[in-house]
PDB file of N, CA and C in Angstrom:
ATOM      1  N   UNK A   1      92.238 -62.977 -61.438  1.00  0.00           N
ATOM      2  CA  UNK A   1      93.297 -63.900 -61.100  1.00  0.00           C
ATOM      3  C   UNK A   1      94.385 -63.911 -62.172  1.00  0.00           C
ATOM      4  N   UNK A   2      93.970 -63.824 -63.427  1.00  0.00           N
ATOM      5  CA  UNK A   2      94.962 -63.858 -64.505  1.00  0.00           C
ATOM      6  C   UNK A   2      95.879 -62.643 -64.453  1.00  0.00           C
ATOM      7  N   UNK A   3      95.335 -61.502 -64.046  1.00  0.00           N
ATOM      8  CA  UNK A   3      96.165 -60.296 -63.915  1.00  0.00           C
ATOM      9  C   UNK A   3      97.176 -60.462 -62.783  1.00  0.00           C
ATOM     10  N   UNK A   4      96.764 -61.095 -61.697  1.00  0.00           N
ATOM     11  CA  UNK A   4      97.697 -61.340 -60.600  1.00  0.00           C
ATOM     12  C   UNK A   4      98.812 -62.288 -61.023  1.00  0.00           C
ATOM     13  N   UNK A   5      98.476 -63.284 -61.818  1.00  0.00           N
ATOM     14  CA  UNK A   5      99.496 -64.202 -62.310  1.00  0.00           C
ATOM     15  C   UNK A   5     100.464 -63.488 -63.237  1.00  0.00           C
ATOM     16  N   UNK A   6      99.944 -62.599 -64.074  1.00  0.00           N
ATOM     17  CA  UNK A   6     100.818 -61.805 -64.943  1.00  0.00           C
ATOM     18  C   UNK A   6     101.729 -60.897 -64.142  1.00  0.00           C
ATOM     19  N   UNK A   7     101.196 -60.312 -63.073  1.00  0.00           N
ATOM     20  CA  UNK A   7     102.017 -59.458 -62.207  1.00  0.00           C
ATOM     21  C   UNK A   7     103.094 -60.277 -61.511  1.00  0.00           C
ATOM     22  N   UNK A   8     102.772 -61.508 -61.151  1.00  0.00           N
ATOM     23  CA  UNK A   8     103.772 -62.384 -60.548  1.00  0.00           C
ATOM     24  C   UNK A   8     104.920 -62.689 -61.503  1.00  0.00           C
ATOM     25  N   UNK A   9     104.596 -62.911 -62.765  1.00  0.00           N
ATOM     26  CA  UNK A   9     105.636 -63.167 -63.767  1.00  0.00           C
ATOM     27  C   UNK A   9     106.516 -61.937 -63.953  1.00  0.00           C
ATOM     28  N   UNK A  10     105.906 -60.746 -63.916  1.00  0.00           N
ATOM     29  CA  UNK A  10     106.681 -59.504 -64.042  1.00  0.00           C
ATOM     30  C   UNK A  10     107.621 -59.345 -62.847  1.00  0.00           C
ATOM     31  N   UNK A  11     107.148 -59.628 -61.659  1.00  0.00           N
ATOM     32  CA  UNK A  11     107.978 -59.495 -60.462  1.00  0.00           C
ATOM     33  C   UNK A  11     109.152 -60.466 -60.479  1.00  0.00           C
ATOM     34  N   UNK A  12     108.925 -61.667 -60.960  1.00  0.00           N
ATOM     35  CA  UNK A  12     110.012 -62.635 -61.048  1.00  0.00           C
ATOM     36  C   UNK A  12     111.047 -62.163 -62.065  1.00  0.00           C
ATOM     37  N   UNK A  13     110.580 -61.624 -63.190  1.00  0.00           N
ATOM     38  CA  UNK A  13     111.503 -61.110 -64.205  1.00  0.00           C
ATOM     39  C   UNK A  13     112.298 -59.921 -63.680  1.00  0.00           C
ATOM     40  N   UNK A  14     111.650 -59.076 -62.899  1.00  0.00           N
ATOM     41  CA  UNK A  14     112.343 -57.910 -62.342  1.00  0.00           C
ATOM     42  C   UNK A  14     113.451 -58.326 -61.387  1.00  0.00           C
ATOM     43  N   UNK A  15     113.281 -59.446 -60.718  1.00  0.00           N
ATOM     44  CA  UNK A  15     114.318 -59.924 -59.807  1.00  0.00           C
ATOM     45  C   UNK A  15     115.624 -60.221 -60.517  1.00  0.00           C
ATOM     46  N   UNK A  16     115.548 -60.587 -61.782  1.00  0.00           N
ATOM     47  CA  UNK A  16     116.767 -60.906 -62.527  1.00  0.00           C
ATOM     48  C   UNK A  16     117.534 -59.658 -62.940  1.00  0.00           C
ATOM     49  N   UNK A  17     116.848 -58.526 -63.123  1.00  0.00           N
ATOM     50  CA  UNK A  17     117.523 -57.325 -63.622  1.00  0.00           C
ATOM     51  C   UNK A  17     117.514 -56.181 -62.628  1.00  0.00           C
ATOM     52  N   UNK A  18     117.038 -56.421 -61.431  1.00  0.00           N
ATOM     53  CA  UNK A  18     116.993 -55.377 -60.418  1.00  0.00           C
ATOM     54  C   UNK A  18     118.399 -54.888 -60.097  1.00  0.00           C
ATOM     55  N   UNK A  19     118.597 -53.588 -60.126  1.00  0.00           N
ATOM     56  CA  UNK A  19     119.900 -53.004 -59.865  1.00  0.00           C
ATOM     57  C   UNK A  19     120.741 -52.849 -61.109  1.00  0.00           C
ATOM     58  N   UNK A  20     120.277 -53.345 -62.232  1.00  0.00           N
ATOM     59  CA  UNK A  20     121.035 -53.278 -63.469  1.00  0.00           C
ATOM     60  C   UNK A  20     120.461 -52.289 -64.470  1.00  0.00           C
ATOM     61  N   UNK A  21     119.274 -51.742 -64.183  1.00  0.00           N
ATOM     62  CA  UNK A  21     118.645 -50.827 -65.136  1.00  0.00           C
ATOM     63  C   UNK A  21     117.851 -49.754 -64.385  1.00  0.00           C
ATOM     64  N   UNK A  22     117.396 -48.774 -65.149  1.00  0.00           N
ATOM     65  CA  UNK A  22     116.680 -47.651 -64.554  1.00  0.00           C
ATOM     66  C   UNK A  22     115.198 -47.977 -64.396  1.00  0.00           C
ATOM     67  N   UNK A  23     114.476 -47.073 -63.761  1.00  0.00           N
ATOM     68  CA  UNK A  23     113.041 -47.237 -63.550  1.00  0.00           C
ATOM     69  C   UNK A  23     112.284 -47.229 -64.876  1.00  0.00           C
ATOM     70  N   UNK A  24     112.707 -46.390 -65.809  1.00  0.00           N
ATOM     71  CA  UNK A  24     112.064 -46.328 -67.126  1.00  0.00           C
ATOM     72  C   UNK A  24     112.271 -47.644 -67.871  1.00  0.00           C
ATOM     73  N   UNK A  25     113.466 -48.209 -67.772  1.00  0.00           N
ATOM     74  CA  UNK A  25     113.735 -49.492 -68.415  1.00  0.00           C
ATOM     75  C   UNK A  25     112.920 -50.614 -67.766  1.00  0.00           C
ATOM     76  N   UNK A  26     112.746 -50.571 -66.442  1.00  0.00           N
ATOM     77  CA  UNK A  26     111.904 -51.559 -65.768  1.00  0.00           C
ATOM     78  C   UNK A  26     110.456 -51.456 -66.234  1.00  0.00           C
ATOM     79  N   UNK A  27     109.973 -50.236 -66.422  1.00  0.00           N
ATOM     80  CA  UNK A  27     108.598 -50.036 -66.896  1.00  0.00           C
ATOM     81  C   UNK A  27     108.439 -50.601 -68.305  1.00  0.00           C
ATOM     82  N   UNK A  28     109.397 -50.306 -69.181  1.00  0.00           N
ATOM     83  CA  UNK A  28     109.342 -50.839 -70.542  1.00  0.00           C
ATOM     84  C   UNK A  28     109.394 -52.357 -70.567  1.00  0.00           C
ATOM     85  N   UNK A  29     110.268 -52.918 -69.740  1.00  0.00           N
ATOM     86  CA  UNK A  29     110.372 -54.370 -69.657  1.00  0.00           C
ATOM     87  C   UNK A  29     109.068 -54.973 -69.139  1.00  0.00           C
ATOM     88  N   UNK A  30     108.426 -54.310 -68.202  1.00  0.00           N
ATOM     89  CA  UNK A  30     107.169 -54.818 -67.642  1.00  0.00           C
ATOM     90  C   UNK A  30     106.059 -54.844 -68.686  1.00  0.00           C
ATOM     91  N   UNK A  31     105.973 -53.803 -69.493  1.00  0.00           N
ATOM     92  CA  UNK A  31     104.940 -53.755 -70.539  1.00  0.00           C
ATOM     93  C   UNK A  31     105.151 -54.862 -71.563  1.00  0.00           C
ATOM     94  N   UNK A  32     106.377 -55.063 -71.965  1.00  0.00           N
ATOM     95  CA  UNK A  32     106.685 -56.125 -72.930  1.00  0.00           C
ATOM     96  C   UNK A  32     106.453 -57.494 -72.290  1.00  0.00           C
ATOM     97  N   UNK A  33     106.800 -57.616 -71.022  1.00  0.00           N
ATOM     98  CA  UNK A  33     106.644 -58.870 -70.297  1.00  0.00           C
ATOM     99  C   UNK A  33     105.184 -59.299 -70.243  1.00  0.00           C
ATOM    100  N   UNK A  34     104.282 -58.371 -69.969  1.00  0.00           N
ATOM    101  CA  UNK A  34     102.859 -58.706 -69.875  1.00  0.00           C
ATOM    102  C   UNK A  34     102.344 -59.238 -71.214  1.00  0.00           C
ATOM    103  N   UNK A  35     102.753 -58.617 -72.308  1.00  0.00           N
ATOM    104  CA  UNK A  35     102.324 -59.079 -73.632  1.00  0.00           C
ATOM    105  C   UNK A  35     102.800 -60.507 -73.882  1.00  0.00           C
ATOM    106  N   UNK A  36     104.088 -60.760 -73.653  1.00  0.00           N
ATOM    107  CA  UNK A  36     104.625 -62.084 -73.935  1.00  0.00           C
ATOM    108  C   UNK A  36     104.141 -63.131 -72.935  1.00  0.00           C
ATOM    109  N   UNK A  37     103.870 -62.726 -71.691  1.00  0.00           N
ATOM    110  CA  UNK A  37     103.315 -63.675 -70.728  1.00  0.00           C
ATOM    111  C   UNK A  37     101.923 -64.119 -71.174  1.00  0.00           C
ATOM    112  N   UNK A  38     101.108 -63.164 -71.643  1.00  0.00           N
ATOM    113  CA  UNK A  38      99.771 -63.507 -72.116  1.00  0.00           C
ATOM    114  C   UNK A  38      99.839 -64.430 -73.325  1.00  0.00           C
ATOM    115  N   UNK A  39     100.765 -64.148 -74.233  1.00  0.00           N
ATOM    116  CA  UNK A  39     100.958 -65.011 -75.396  1.00  0.00           C
ATOM    117  C   UNK A  39     101.416 -66.408 -74.960  1.00  0.00           C
ATOM    118  N   UNK A  40     102.365 -66.480 -74.040  1.00  0.00           N
ATOM    119  CA  UNK A  40     102.848 -67.761 -73.527  1.00  0.00           C
ATOM    120  C   UNK A  40     101.723 -68.529 -72.855  1.00  0.00           C
ATOM    121  N   UNK A  41     100.915 -67.839 -72.075  1.00  0.00           N
ATOM    122  CA  UNK A  41      99.809 -68.479 -71.367  1.00  0.00           C
ATOM    123  C   UNK A  41      98.792 -69.051 -72.356  1.00  0.00           C
ATOM    124  N   UNK A  42      98.503 -68.304 -73.410  1.00  0.00           N
ATOM    125  CA  UNK A  42      97.566 -68.792 -74.425  1.00  0.00           C
ATOM    126  C   UNK A  42      98.114 -70.038 -75.121  1.00  0.00           C
ATOM    127  N   UNK A  43      99.391 -70.039 -75.415  1.00  0.00           N
ATOM    128  CA  UNK A  43      99.999 -71.200 -76.078  1.00  0.00           C
ATOM    129  C   UNK A  43      99.991 -72.410 -75.152  1.00  0.00           C
ATOM    130  N   UNK A  44     100.388 -72.210 -73.898  1.00  0.00           N
ATOM    131  CA  UNK A  44     100.501 -73.334 -72.963  1.00  0.00           C
ATOM    132  C   UNK A  44      99.139 -73.947 -72.650  1.00  0.00           C
ATOM    133  N   UNK A  45      98.129 -73.124 -72.409  1.00  0.00           N
ATOM    134  CA  UNK A  45      96.837 -73.646 -71.965  1.00  0.00           C
ATOM    135  C   UNK A  45      95.865 -73.933 -73.107  1.00  0.00           C
ATOM    136  N   UNK A  46      95.919 -73.187 -74.197  1.00  0.00           N
ATOM    137  CA  UNK A  46      94.950 -73.395 -75.275  1.00  0.00           C
ATOM    138  C   UNK A  46      95.456 -74.331 -76.366  1.00  0.00           C
ATOM    139  N   UNK A  47      96.742 -74.276 -76.670  1.00  0.00           N
ATOM    140  CA  UNK A  47      97.274 -75.132 -77.729  1.00  0.00           C
ATOM    141  C   UNK A  47      97.787 -76.454 -77.164  1.00  0.00           C
ATOM    142  N   UNK A  48      98.642 -76.377 -76.112  1.00  0.00           N
ATOM    143  CA  UNK A  48      99.204 -77.597 -75.533  1.00  0.00           C
ATOM    144  C   UNK A  48      98.271 -78.271 -74.533  1.00  0.00           C
ATOM    145  N   UNK A  49      97.240 -77.557 -74.058  1.00  0.00           N
ATOM    146  CA  UNK A  49      96.238 -78.098 -73.124  1.00  0.00           C
ATOM    147  C   UNK A  49      96.860 -78.662 -71.848  1.00  0.00           C
ATOM    148  N   UNK A  50      97.807 -77.932 -71.261  1.00  0.00           N
ATOM    149  CA  UNK A  50      98.431 -78.395 -70.029  1.00  0.00           C
ATOM    150  C   UNK A  50      97.554 -78.081 -68.822  1.00  0.00           C
ATOM    151  N   UNK A  51      97.797 -78.763 -67.727  1.00  0.00           N
ATOM    152  CA  UNK A  51      97.068 -78.543 -66.484  1.00  0.00           C
ATOM    153  C   UNK A  51      98.059 -78.080 -65.427  1.00  0.00           C
ATOM    154  N   UNK A  52      97.910 -76.849 -64.992  1.00  0.00           N
ATOM    155  CA  UNK A  52      98.774 -76.264 -63.963  1.00  0.00           C
ATOM    156  C   UNK A  52      97.874 -75.431 -63.065  1.00  0.00           C
ATOM    157  N   UNK A  53      97.316 -76.031 -62.016  1.00  0.00           N
ATOM    158  CA  UNK A  53      96.238 -75.393 -61.267  1.00  0.00           C
ATOM    159  C   UNK A  53      96.638 -74.070 -60.626  1.00  0.00           C
ATOM    160  N   UNK A  54      97.806 -73.973 -60.073  1.00  0.00           N
ATOM    161  CA  UNK A  54      98.239 -72.713 -59.474  1.00  0.00           C
ATOM    162  C   UNK A  54      99.033 -71.868 -60.437  1.00  0.00           C
ATOM    163  N   UNK A  55      99.248 -72.360 -61.620  1.00  0.00           N
ATOM    164  CA  UNK A  55     100.053 -71.732 -62.669  1.00  0.00           C
ATOM    165  C   UNK A  55     101.463 -71.404 -62.201  1.00  0.00           C
ATOM    166  N   UNK A  56     101.921 -72.074 -61.170  1.00  0.00           N
ATOM    167  CA  UNK A  56     103.264 -71.778 -60.673  1.00  0.00           C
ATOM    168  C   UNK A  56     104.336 -72.181 -61.673  1.00  0.00           C
ATOM    169  N   UNK A  57     104.107 -73.280 -62.398  1.00  0.00           N
ATOM    170  CA  UNK A  57     105.075 -73.697 -63.405  1.00  0.00           C
ATOM    171  C   UNK A  57     105.145 -72.666 -64.533  1.00  0.00           C
ATOM    172  N   UNK A  58     104.003 -72.222 -64.985  1.00  0.00           N
ATOM    173  CA  UNK A  58     103.952 -71.254 -66.080  1.00  0.00           C
ATOM    174  C   UNK A  58     104.533 -69.915 -65.655  1.00  0.00           C
ATOM    175  N   UNK A  59     104.151 -69.427 -64.507  1.00  0.00           N
ATOM    176  CA  UNK A  59     104.600 -68.113 -64.031  1.00  0.00           C
ATOM    177  C   UNK A  59     106.102 -68.109 -63.777  1.00  0.00           C
ATOM    178  N   UNK A  60     106.593 -69.060 -63.016  1.00  0.00           N
ATOM    179  CA  UNK A  60     107.992 -69.050 -62.621  1.00  0.00           C
ATOM    180  C   UNK A  60     108.927 -69.339 -63.786  1.00  0.00           C
ATOM    181  N   UNK A  61     108.557 -70.296 -64.624  1.00  0.00           N
ATOM    182  CA  UNK A  61     109.420 -70.620 -65.756  1.00  0.00           C
ATOM    183  C   UNK A  61     109.497 -69.455 -66.728  1.00  0.00           C
ATOM    184  N   UNK A  62     108.337 -68.895 -67.086  1.00  0.00           N
ATOM    185  CA  UNK A  62     108.350 -67.764 -68.008  1.00  0.00           C
ATOM    186  C   UNK A  62     109.050 -66.565 -67.395  1.00  0.00           C
ATOM    187  N   UNK A  63     108.729 -66.234 -66.140  1.00  0.00           N
ATOM    188  CA  UNK A  63     109.342 -65.078 -65.498  1.00  0.00           C
ATOM    189  C   UNK A  63     110.849 -65.187 -65.400  1.00  0.00           C
ATOM    190  N   UNK A  64     111.339 -66.363 -65.047  1.00  0.00           N
ATOM    191  CA  UNK A  64     112.783 -66.556 -64.910  1.00  0.00           C
ATOM    192  C   UNK A  64     113.485 -66.441 -66.259  1.00  0.00           C
ATOM    193  N   UNK A  65     112.964 -67.122 -67.264  1.00  0.00           N
ATOM    194  CA  UNK A  65     113.606 -67.063 -68.580  1.00  0.00           C
ATOM    195  C   UNK A  65     113.500 -65.688 -69.223  1.00  0.00           C
ATOM    196  N   UNK A  66     112.378 -65.012 -69.031  1.00  0.00           N
ATOM    197  CA  UNK A  66     112.235 -63.665 -69.584  1.00  0.00           C
ATOM    198  C   UNK A  66     113.190 -62.699 -68.884  1.00  0.00           C
ATOM    199  N   UNK A  67     113.343 -62.842 -67.576  1.00  0.00           N
ATOM    200  CA  UNK A  67     114.271 -61.983 -66.843  1.00  0.00           C
ATOM    201  C   UNK A  67     115.706 -62.184 -67.263  1.00  0.00           C
ATOM    202  N   UNK A  68     116.100 -63.439 -67.431  1.00  0.00           N
ATOM    203  CA  UNK A  68     117.468 -63.722 -67.865  1.00  0.00           C
ATOM    204  C   UNK A  68     117.693 -63.211 -69.288  1.00  0.00           C
ATOM    205  N   UNK A  69     116.696 -63.394 -70.159  1.00  0.00           N
ATOM    206  CA  UNK A  69     116.817 -62.893 -71.532  1.00  0.00           C
ATOM    207  C   UNK A  69     116.859 -61.366 -71.560  1.00  0.00           C
ATOM    208  N   UNK A  70     116.176 -60.713 -70.628  1.00  0.00           N
ATOM    209  CA  UNK A  70     116.165 -59.249 -70.579  1.00  0.00           C
ATOM    210  C   UNK A  70     117.521 -58.672 -70.205  1.00  0.00           C
ATOM    211  N   UNK A  71     118.314 -59.419 -69.475  1.00  0.00           N
ATOM    212  CA  UNK A  71     119.617 -58.890 -69.070  1.00  0.00           C
ATOM    213  C   UNK A  71     120.529 -58.637 -70.258  1.00  0.00           C
ATOM    214  N   UNK A  72     120.296 -59.302 -71.373  1.00  0.00           N
ATOM    215  CA  UNK A  72     121.114 -59.079 -72.572  1.00  0.00           C
ATOM    216  C   UNK A  72     120.890 -57.697 -73.160  1.00  0.00           C
ATOM    217  N   UNK A  73     119.746 -57.069 -72.878  1.00  0.00           N
ATOM    218  CA  UNK A  73     119.403 -55.782 -73.479  1.00  0.00           C
ATOM    219  C   UNK A  73     119.731 -54.578 -72.600  1.00  0.00           C
ATOM    220  N   UNK A  74     120.116 -54.800 -71.355  1.00  0.00           N
ATOM    221  CA  UNK A  74     120.337 -53.690 -70.431  1.00  0.00           C
ATOM    222  C   UNK A  74     121.808 -53.525 -70.082  1.00  0.00           C
ATOM    223  N   UNK A  75     122.622 -53.207 -71.055  1.00  0.00           N
ATOM    224  CA  UNK A  75     124.044 -52.898 -70.888  1.00  0.00           C
ATOM    225  C   UNK A  75     124.743 -53.921 -69.993  1.00  0.00           C
ATOM    226  N   UNK A  76     124.943 -55.145 -70.469  1.00  0.00           N
ATOM    227  CA  UNK A  76     125.513 -56.182 -69.597  1.00  0.00           C
ATOM    228  C   UNK A  76     126.930 -55.886 -69.124  1.00  0.00           C
ATOM    229  N   UNK A  77     127.744 -55.213 -69.933  1.00  0.00           N
ATOM    230  CA  UNK A  77     129.116 -54.919 -69.511  1.00  0.00           C
ATOM    231  C   UNK A  77     129.131 -53.874 -68.399  1.00  0.00           C
ATOM    232  N   UNK A  78     128.255 -52.891 -68.501  1.00  0.00           N
ATOM    233  CA  UNK A  78     128.163 -51.864 -67.457  1.00  0.00           C
ATOM    234  C   UNK A  78     127.634 -52.478 -66.163  1.00  0.00           C
ATOM    235  N   UNK A  79     126.664 -53.379 -66.280  1.00  0.00           N
ATOM    236  CA  UNK A  79     126.100 -54.025 -65.096  1.00  0.00           C
ATOM    237  C   UNK A  79     127.120 -54.932 -64.413  1.00  0.00           C
ATOM    238  N   UNK A  80     127.944 -55.594 -65.201  1.00  0.00           N
ATOM    239  CA  UNK A  80     128.973 -56.466 -64.621  1.00  0.00           C
ATOM    240  C   UNK A  80     130.021 -55.657 -63.862  1.00  0.00           C
ATOM    241  N   UNK A  81     130.365 -54.469 -64.380  1.00  0.00           N
ATOM    242  CA  UNK A  81     131.345 -53.625 -63.696  1.00  0.00           C
ATOM    243  C   UNK A  81     130.763 -53.069 -62.398  1.00  0.00           C
ATOM    244  N   UNK A  82     129.487 -52.669 -62.423  1.00  0.00           N
ATOM    245  CA  UNK A  82     128.753 -52.153 -61.261  1.00  0.00           C
ATOM    246  C   UNK A  82     129.526 -51.046 -60.540  1.00  0.00           C
ATOM    247  N   UNK A  83     129.958 -50.037 -61.285  1.00  0.00           N
ATOM    248  CA  UNK A  83     130.726 -48.937 -60.708  1.00  0.00           C
ATOM    249  C   UNK A  83     129.920 -48.119 -59.708  1.00  0.00           C
ATOM    250  N   UNK A  84     128.592 -48.022 -59.915  1.00  0.00           N
ATOM    251  CA  UNK A  84     127.739 -47.270 -58.998  1.00  0.00           C
ATOM    252  C   UNK A  84     127.248 -48.114 -57.827  1.00  0.00           C
ATOM    253  N   UNK A  85     127.665 -49.372 -57.766  1.00  0.00           N
ATOM    254  CA  UNK A  85     127.279 -50.310 -56.714  1.00  0.00           C
ATOM    255  C   UNK A  85     125.758 -50.406 -56.555  1.00  0.00           C
ATOM    256  N   UNK A  86     125.061 -50.538 -57.704  1.00  0.00           N
ATOM    257  CA  UNK A  86     123.611 -50.646 -57.679  1.00  0.00           C
ATOM    258  C   UNK A  86     123.131 -52.002 -57.168  1.00  0.00           C
ATOM    259  N   UNK A  87     123.943 -53.028 -57.329  1.00  0.00           N
ATOM    260  CA  UNK A  87     123.548 -54.364 -56.906  1.00  0.00           C
ATOM    261  C   UNK A  87     123.973 -54.672 -55.465  1.00  0.00           C
ATOM    262  N   UNK A  88     124.560 -53.705 -54.805  1.00  0.00           N
ATOM    263  CA  UNK A  88     125.027 -53.903 -53.444  1.00  0.00           C
ATOM    264  C   UNK A  88     123.853 -53.848 -52.463  1.00  0.00           C
ATOM    265  N   UNK A  89     123.876 -54.725 -51.489  1.00  0.00           N
ATOM    266  CA  UNK A  89     122.818 -54.773 -50.493  1.00  0.00           C
ATOM    267  C   UNK A  89     123.031 -53.690 -49.434  1.00  0.00           C
ATOM    268  N   UNK A  90     121.918 -53.178 -48.904  1.00  0.00           N
ATOM    269  CA  UNK A  90     121.969 -52.264 -47.766  1.00  0.00           C
ATOM    270  C   UNK A  90     120.796 -52.583 -46.835  1.00  0.00           C
ATOM    271  N   UNK A  91     120.705 -51.890 -45.744  1.00  0.00           N
ATOM    272  CA  UNK A  91     119.682 -52.188 -44.745  1.00  0.00           C
ATOM    273  C   UNK A  91     118.279 -52.032 -45.319  1.00  0.00           C
ATOM    274  N   UNK A  92     118.030 -50.963 -46.072  1.00  0.00           N
ATOM    275  CA  UNK A  92     116.685 -50.706 -46.592  1.00  0.00           C
ATOM    276  C   UNK A  92     116.272 -51.775 -47.608  1.00  0.00           C
ATOM    277  N   UNK A  93     117.179 -52.156 -48.506  1.00  0.00           N
ATOM    278  CA  UNK A  93     116.814 -53.186 -49.488  1.00  0.00           C
ATOM    279  C   UNK A  93     116.568 -54.532 -48.806  1.00  0.00           C
ATOM    280  N   UNK A  94     117.336 -54.831 -47.761  1.00  0.00           N
ATOM    281  CA  UNK A  94     117.107 -56.072 -47.019  1.00  0.00           C
ATOM    282  C   UNK A  94     115.767 -56.035 -46.283  1.00  0.00           C
ATOM    283  N   UNK A  95     115.413 -54.897 -45.727  1.00  0.00           N
ATOM    284  CA  UNK A  95     114.141 -54.755 -45.022  1.00  0.00           C
ATOM    285  C   UNK A  95     112.967 -54.889 -45.987  1.00  0.00           C
ATOM    286  N   UNK A  96     113.080 -54.277 -47.163  1.00  0.00           N
ATOM    287  CA  UNK A  96     112.006 -54.366 -48.154  1.00  0.00           C
ATOM    288  C   UNK A  96     111.860 -55.796 -48.659  1.00  0.00           C
ATOM    289  N   UNK A  97     112.961 -56.479 -48.894  1.00  0.00           N
ATOM    290  CA  UNK A  97     112.863 -57.866 -49.380  1.00  0.00           C
ATOM    291  C   UNK A  97     112.282 -58.782 -48.306  1.00  0.00           C
ATOM    292  N   UNK A  98     112.592 -58.533 -47.048  1.00  0.00           N
ATOM    293  CA  UNK A  98     112.013 -59.340 -45.973  1.00  0.00           C
ATOM    294  C   UNK A  98     110.512 -59.089 -45.855  1.00  0.00           C
ATOM    295  N   UNK A  99     110.093 -57.841 -45.999  1.00  0.00           N
ATOM    296  CA  UNK A  99     108.672 -57.516 -45.954  1.00  0.00           C
ATOM    297  C   UNK A  99     107.947 -58.178 -47.122  1.00  0.00           C
ATOM    298  N   UNK A 100     108.544 -58.144 -48.306  1.00  0.00           N
ATOM    299  CA  UNK A 100     107.953 -58.806 -49.462  1.00  0.00           C
ATOM    300  C   UNK A 100     107.839 -60.304 -49.268  1.00  0.00           C
ATOM    301  N   UNK A 101     108.836 -60.902 -48.617  1.00  0.00           N
ATOM    302  CA  UNK A 101     108.801 -62.329 -48.345  1.00  0.00           C
ATOM    303  C   UNK A 101     107.662 -62.670 -47.387  1.00  0.00           C
ATOM    304  N   UNK A 102     107.441 -61.842 -46.373  1.00  0.00           N
ATOM    305  CA  UNK A 102     106.341 -62.087 -45.437  1.00  0.00           C
ATOM    306  C   UNK A 102     104.987 -61.959 -46.122  1.00  0.00           C
ATOM    307  N   UNK A 103     104.820 -60.941 -46.987  1.00  0.00           N
ATOM    308  CA  UNK A 103     103.565 -60.799 -47.734  1.00  0.00           C
ATOM    309  C   UNK A 103     103.347 -62.009 -48.644  1.00  0.00           C
ATOM    310  N   UNK A 104     104.391 -62.475 -49.292  1.00  0.00           N
ATOM    311  CA  UNK A 104     104.278 -63.639 -50.165  1.00  0.00           C
ATOM    312  C   UNK A 104     103.896 -64.877 -49.365  1.00  0.00           C
ATOM    313  N   UNK A 105     104.453 -65.033 -48.180  1.00  0.00           N
ATOM    314  CA  UNK A 105     104.147 -66.174 -47.327  1.00  0.00           C
ATOM    315  C   UNK A 105     102.667 -66.187 -46.951  1.00  0.00           C
ATOM    316  N   UNK A 106     102.102 -65.018 -46.660  1.00  0.00           N
ATOM    317  CA  UNK A 106     100.695 -64.926 -46.282  1.00  0.00           C
ATOM    318  C   UNK A 106      99.788 -65.083 -47.502  1.00  0.00           C
ATOM    319  N   UNK A 107     100.208 -64.575 -48.635  1.00  0.00           N
ATOM    320  CA  UNK A 107      99.379 -64.499 -49.828  1.00  0.00           C
ATOM    321  C   UNK A 107      99.428 -65.774 -50.668  1.00  0.00           C
ATOM    322  N   UNK A 108     100.448 -66.596 -50.503  1.00  0.00           N
ATOM    323  CA  UNK A 108     100.680 -67.736 -51.389  1.00  0.00           C
ATOM    324  C   UNK A 108      99.534 -68.752 -51.433  1.00  0.00           C
ATOM    325  N   UNK A 109      98.908 -69.157 -50.318  1.00  0.00           N
ATOM    326  CA  UNK A 109      97.812 -70.137 -50.422  1.00  0.00           C
ATOM    327  C   UNK A 109      96.649 -69.651 -51.275  1.00  0.00           C
ATOM    328  N   UNK A 110      96.253 -68.399 -51.166  1.00  0.00           N
ATOM    329  CA  UNK A 110      95.158 -67.897 -51.994  1.00  0.00           C
ATOM    330  C   UNK A 110      95.594 -67.736 -53.443  1.00  0.00           C
ATOM    331  N   UNK A 111      96.858 -67.459 -53.652  1.00  0.00           N
ATOM    332  CA  UNK A 111      97.398 -67.318 -55.006  1.00  0.00           C
ATOM    333  C   UNK A 111      97.338 -68.660 -55.735  1.00  0.00           C
ATOM    334  N   UNK A 112      97.651 -69.727 -55.054  1.00  0.00           N
ATOM    335  CA  UNK A 112      97.614 -71.061 -55.664  1.00  0.00           C
ATOM    336  C   UNK A 112      96.230 -71.675 -55.662  1.00  0.00           C
ATOM    337  N   UNK A 113      95.435 -71.398 -54.657  1.00  0.00           N
ATOM    338  CA  UNK A 113      94.110 -72.010 -54.554  1.00  0.00           C
ATOM    339  C   UNK A 113      93.009 -71.254 -55.276  1.00  0.00           C
ATOM    340  N   UNK A 114      93.288 -70.036 -55.731  1.00  0.00           N
ATOM    341  CA  UNK A 114      92.268 -69.226 -56.393  1.00  0.00           C
ATOM    342  C   UNK A 114      91.650 -69.850 -57.619  1.00  0.00           C
ATOM    343  N   UNK A 115      92.448 -70.414 -58.520  1.00  0.00           N
ATOM    344  CA  UNK A 115      91.847 -70.964 -59.730  1.00  0.00           C
ATOM    345  C   UNK A 115      91.227 -72.349 -59.545  1.00  0.00           C
ATOM    346  N   UNK A 116      91.350 -72.955 -58.370  1.00  0.00           N
ATOM    347  CA  UNK A 116      90.773 -74.284 -58.143  1.00  0.00           C
ATOM    348  C   UNK A 116      89.259 -74.184 -58.057  1.00  0.00           C
ATOM    349  N   UNK A 117      88.585 -75.222 -58.511  1.00  0.00           N
ATOM    350  CA  UNK A 117      87.113 -75.227 -58.432  1.00  0.00           C
ATOM    351  C   UNK A 117      86.654 -76.556 -57.850  1.00  0.00           C
ATOM    352  N   UNK A 118      85.561 -76.508 -57.149  1.00  0.00           N
ATOM    353  CA  UNK A 118      85.004 -77.722 -56.557  1.00  0.00           C
ATOM    354  C   UNK A 118      85.647 -78.055 -55.235  1.00  0.00           C
ATOM    355  N   UNK A 119      84.946 -78.856 -54.445  1.00  0.00           N
ATOM    356  CA  UNK A 119      85.481 -79.237 -53.141  1.00  0.00           C
ATOM    357  C   UNK A 119      85.408 -80.752 -52.919  1.00  0.00           C
ATOM    358  N   UNK A 120      85.324 -81.509 -53.985  1.00  0.00           N
ATOM    359  CA  UNK A 120      85.189 -82.970 -53.837  1.00  0.00           C
ATOM    360  C   UNK A 120      86.496 -83.647 -53.763  1.00  0.00           C
TER     361      UNK A 120
END
């Protein structure tokens, strides 16, 4: 379950920089993201002793802030100009995002309910 939560944080971070960097840069960002997500998770749950049963607060907050912070490292002036129109929508990208949304809709209850224990 913890690996799935880490993957969720990586996917949220990728949403912030998608279309602004190459595949190699996304891979590098993902590796760094997993390390810092694990560190963040250890701090939040072991030091601060917070309770977040679905970890949605931890995953989304960390993923969003890490993604926004990552944009500073991936040529922000080139991304703003977007001469290659990498951030432009097309039919295939819309179809893939819709498919991902449907998978998320089906998968979300088990994603949030997985770490819960007991039935009382």
